[in-house]
Amino acid sequence: MLCIGISGYLSLNASNNSIKTVYDDRLVARGQLDTVMRLTMRNEVIVSKAMTDDPKKAAFHVAEVEAGKAEASKGWTEYMAI
């Protein structure tokens, strides 16, 4: 009975390590890519809005796009570091 318990524990431990590897290697990276894509799409929406908005607000829209671009670039750098 002790051998069966030890075998079950070792099998469960190996399974947990495998799931942790999948989480670290795949899910975290996918979340980072999702962030980059969302920021890119957000910038596209801001540019579209800026084209139809008051020209006096152009500097505000440019600043928003630059901030989004910097944040997306940071996310991309983190993704590439994995």
C-alpha atoms as a PDB file:
ATOM      1  CA  MET A   1       0.000   0.000   0.000  1.00  0.00           C
ATOM      2  CA  LEU A   2       2.907   2.327   0.763  1.00  0.00           C
ATOM      3  CA  CYS A   3       4.365   1.732  -2.711  1.00  0.00           C
ATOM      4  CA  ILE A   4       1.037   2.599  -4.333  1.00  0.00           C
ATOM      5  CA  GLY A   5       0.834   5.802  -2.269  1.00  0.00           C
ATOM      6  CA  ILE A   6       4.372   6.843  -3.162  1.00  0.00           C
ATOM      7  CA  SER A   7       3.774   6.024  -6.818  1.00  0.00           C
ATOM      8  CA  GLY A   8       0.586   8.093  -6.833  1.00  0.00           C
ATOM      9  CA  TYR A   9       2.322  11.010  -5.143  1.00  0.00           C
ATOM     10  CA  LEU A  10       5.225  10.969  -7.611  1.00  0.00           C
ATOM     11  CA  SER A  11       2.820  10.756 -10.542  1.00  0.00           C
ATOM     12  CA  LEU A  12       0.778  13.676  -9.217  1.00  0.00           C
ATOM     13  CA  ASN A  13       3.951  15.709  -8.653  1.00  0.00           C
ATOM     14  CA  ALA A  14       5.090  15.063 -12.251  1.00  0.00           C
ATOM     15  CA  SER A  15       1.660  16.081 -13.525  1.00  0.00           C
ATOM     16  CA  ASN A  16       1.752  19.324 -11.515  1.00  0.00           C
ATOM     17  CA  ASN A  17       5.205  20.162 -12.861  1.00  0.00           C
ATOM     18  CA  SER A  18       4.008  19.545 -16.411  1.00  0.00           C
ATOM     19  CA  ILE A  19       0.987  21.823 -15.952  1.00  0.00           C
ATOM     20  CA  LYS A  20       3.187  24.524 -14.402  1.00  0.00           C
ATOM     21  CA  THR A  21       5.497  24.363 -17.422  1.00  0.00           C
ATOM     22  CA  VAL A  22       2.548  24.764 -19.786  1.00  0.00           C
ATOM     23  CA  TYR A  23       1.316  27.728 -17.749  1.00  0.00           C
ATOM     24  CA  ASP A  24       4.709  29.440 -17.639  1.00  0.00           C
ATOM     25  CA  ASP A  25       5.646  28.781 -21.271  1.00  0.00           C
ATOM     26  CA  ARG A  26       2.311  29.183 -23.015  1.00  0.00           C
ATOM     27  CA  LEU A  27      -0.338  30.993 -20.992  1.00  0.00           C
ATOM     28  CA  VAL A  28       1.831  33.835 -19.711  1.00  0.00           C
ATOM     29  CA  ALA A  29       3.205  34.441 -23.207  1.00  0.00           C
ATOM     30  CA  ARG A  30      -0.296  34.411 -24.675  1.00  0.00           C
ATOM     31  CA  GLY A  31      -1.395  37.001 -22.131  1.00  0.00           C
ATOM     32  CA  GLN A  32       1.500  39.240 -23.100  1.00  0.00           C
ATOM     33  CA  LEU A  33       0.627  38.924 -26.793  1.00  0.00           C
ATOM     34  CA  ASP A  34      -2.988  39.715 -25.971  1.00  0.00           C
ATOM     35  CA  THR A  35      -1.904  42.897 -24.220  1.00  0.00           C
ATOM     36  CA  VAL A  36       0.198  43.975 -27.210  1.00  0.00           C
ATOM     37  CA  MET A  37      -2.665  43.285 -29.628  1.00  0.00           C
ATOM     38  CA  ARG A  38      -5.196  45.159 -27.487  1.00  0.00           C
ATOM     39  CA  LEU A  39      -2.935  48.189 -27.229  1.00  0.00           C
ATOM     40  CA  THR A  40      -2.326  48.134 -30.975  1.00  0.00           C
ATOM     41  CA  MET A  41      -6.053  48.003 -31.695  1.00  0.00           C
ATOM     42  CA  ARG A  42      -6.660  50.749 -29.135  1.00  0.00           C
ATOM     43  CA  ASN A  43      -4.143  52.935 -30.951  1.00  0.00           C
ATOM     44  CA  GLU A  44      -5.951  52.271 -34.232  1.00  0.00           C
ATOM     45  CA  VAL A  45      -9.225  53.401 -32.658  1.00  0.00           C
ATOM     46  CA  ILE A  46      -7.579  56.538 -31.273  1.00  0.00           C
ATOM     47  CA  VAL A  47      -6.159  57.402 -34.700  1.00  0.00           C
ATOM     48  CA  SER A  48      -9.580  56.876 -36.281  1.00  0.00           C
ATOM     49  CA  LYS A  49     -11.168  59.086 -33.662  1.00  0.00           C
ATOM     50  CA  ALA A  50      -8.497  61.738 -34.131  1.00  0.00           C
ATOM     51  CA  MET A  51      -9.261  61.911 -37.850  1.00  0.00           C
ATOM     52  CA  THR A  52     -12.875  62.862 -37.150  1.00  0.00           C
ATOM     53  CA  ASP A  53     -12.380  64.831 -33.948  1.00  0.00           C
ATOM     54  CA  ASP A  54     -11.628  68.490 -33.407  1.00  0.00           C
ATOM     55  CA  PRO A  55      -8.134  69.387 -34.739  1.00  0.00           C
ATOM     56  CA  LYS A  56      -7.433  71.201 -31.457  1.00  0.00           C
ATOM     57  CA  LYS A  57      -7.389  67.814 -29.713  1.00  0.00           C
ATOM     58  CA  ALA A  58      -4.743  66.370 -32.048  1.00  0.00           C
ATOM     59  CA  ALA A  59      -1.921  66.780 -29.522  1.00  0.00           C
ATOM     60  CA  PHE A  60      -3.962  64.865 -26.943  1.00  0.00           C
ATOM     61  CA  HIS A  61      -4.578  62.013 -29.392  1.00  0.00           C
ATOM     62  CA  VAL A  62      -0.919  61.899 -30.408  1.00  0.00           C
ATOM     63  CA  ALA A  63       0.095  61.690 -26.746  1.00  0.00           C
ATOM     64  CA  GLU A  64      -2.369  58.828 -26.190  1.00  0.00           C
ATOM     65  CA  VAL A  65      -1.040  56.928 -29.181  1.00  0.00           C
ATOM     66  CA  GLU A  66       2.572  57.450 -28.088  1.00  0.00           C
ATOM     67  CA  ALA A  67       1.755  56.198 -24.582  1.00  0.00           C
ATOM     68  CA  GLY A  68       0.011  53.140 -26.027  1.00  0.00           C
ATOM     69  CA  LYS A  69       2.906  52.532 -28.379  1.00  0.00           C
ATOM     70  CA  ALA A  70       5.411  52.665 -25.508  1.00  0.00           C
ATOM     71  CA  GLU A  71       3.330  50.283 -23.403  1.00  0.00           C
ATOM     72  CA  ALA A  72       2.898  47.856 -26.321  1.00  0.00           C
ATOM     73  CA  SER A  73       6.630  48.001 -26.998  1.00  0.00           C
ATOM     74  CA  LYS A  74       7.310  47.170 -23.345  1.00  0.00           C
ATOM     75  CA  GLY A  75       4.907  44.214 -23.541  1.00  0.00           C
ATOM     76  CA  TRP A  76       6.566  42.997 -26.733  1.00  0.00           C
ATOM     77  CA  THR A  77      10.002  43.202 -25.110  1.00  0.00           C
ATOM     78  CA  GLU A  78       8.739  41.139 -22.155  1.00  0.00           C
ATOM     79  CA  TYR A  79       7.258  38.589 -24.552  1.00  0.00           C
ATOM     80  CA  MET A  80      10.488  38.284 -26.519  1.00  0.00           C
ATOM     81  CA  ALA A  81      12.449  37.779 -23.286  1.00  0.00           C
ATOM     82  CA  ILE A  82      10.617  34.514 -22.592  1.00  0.00           C
END
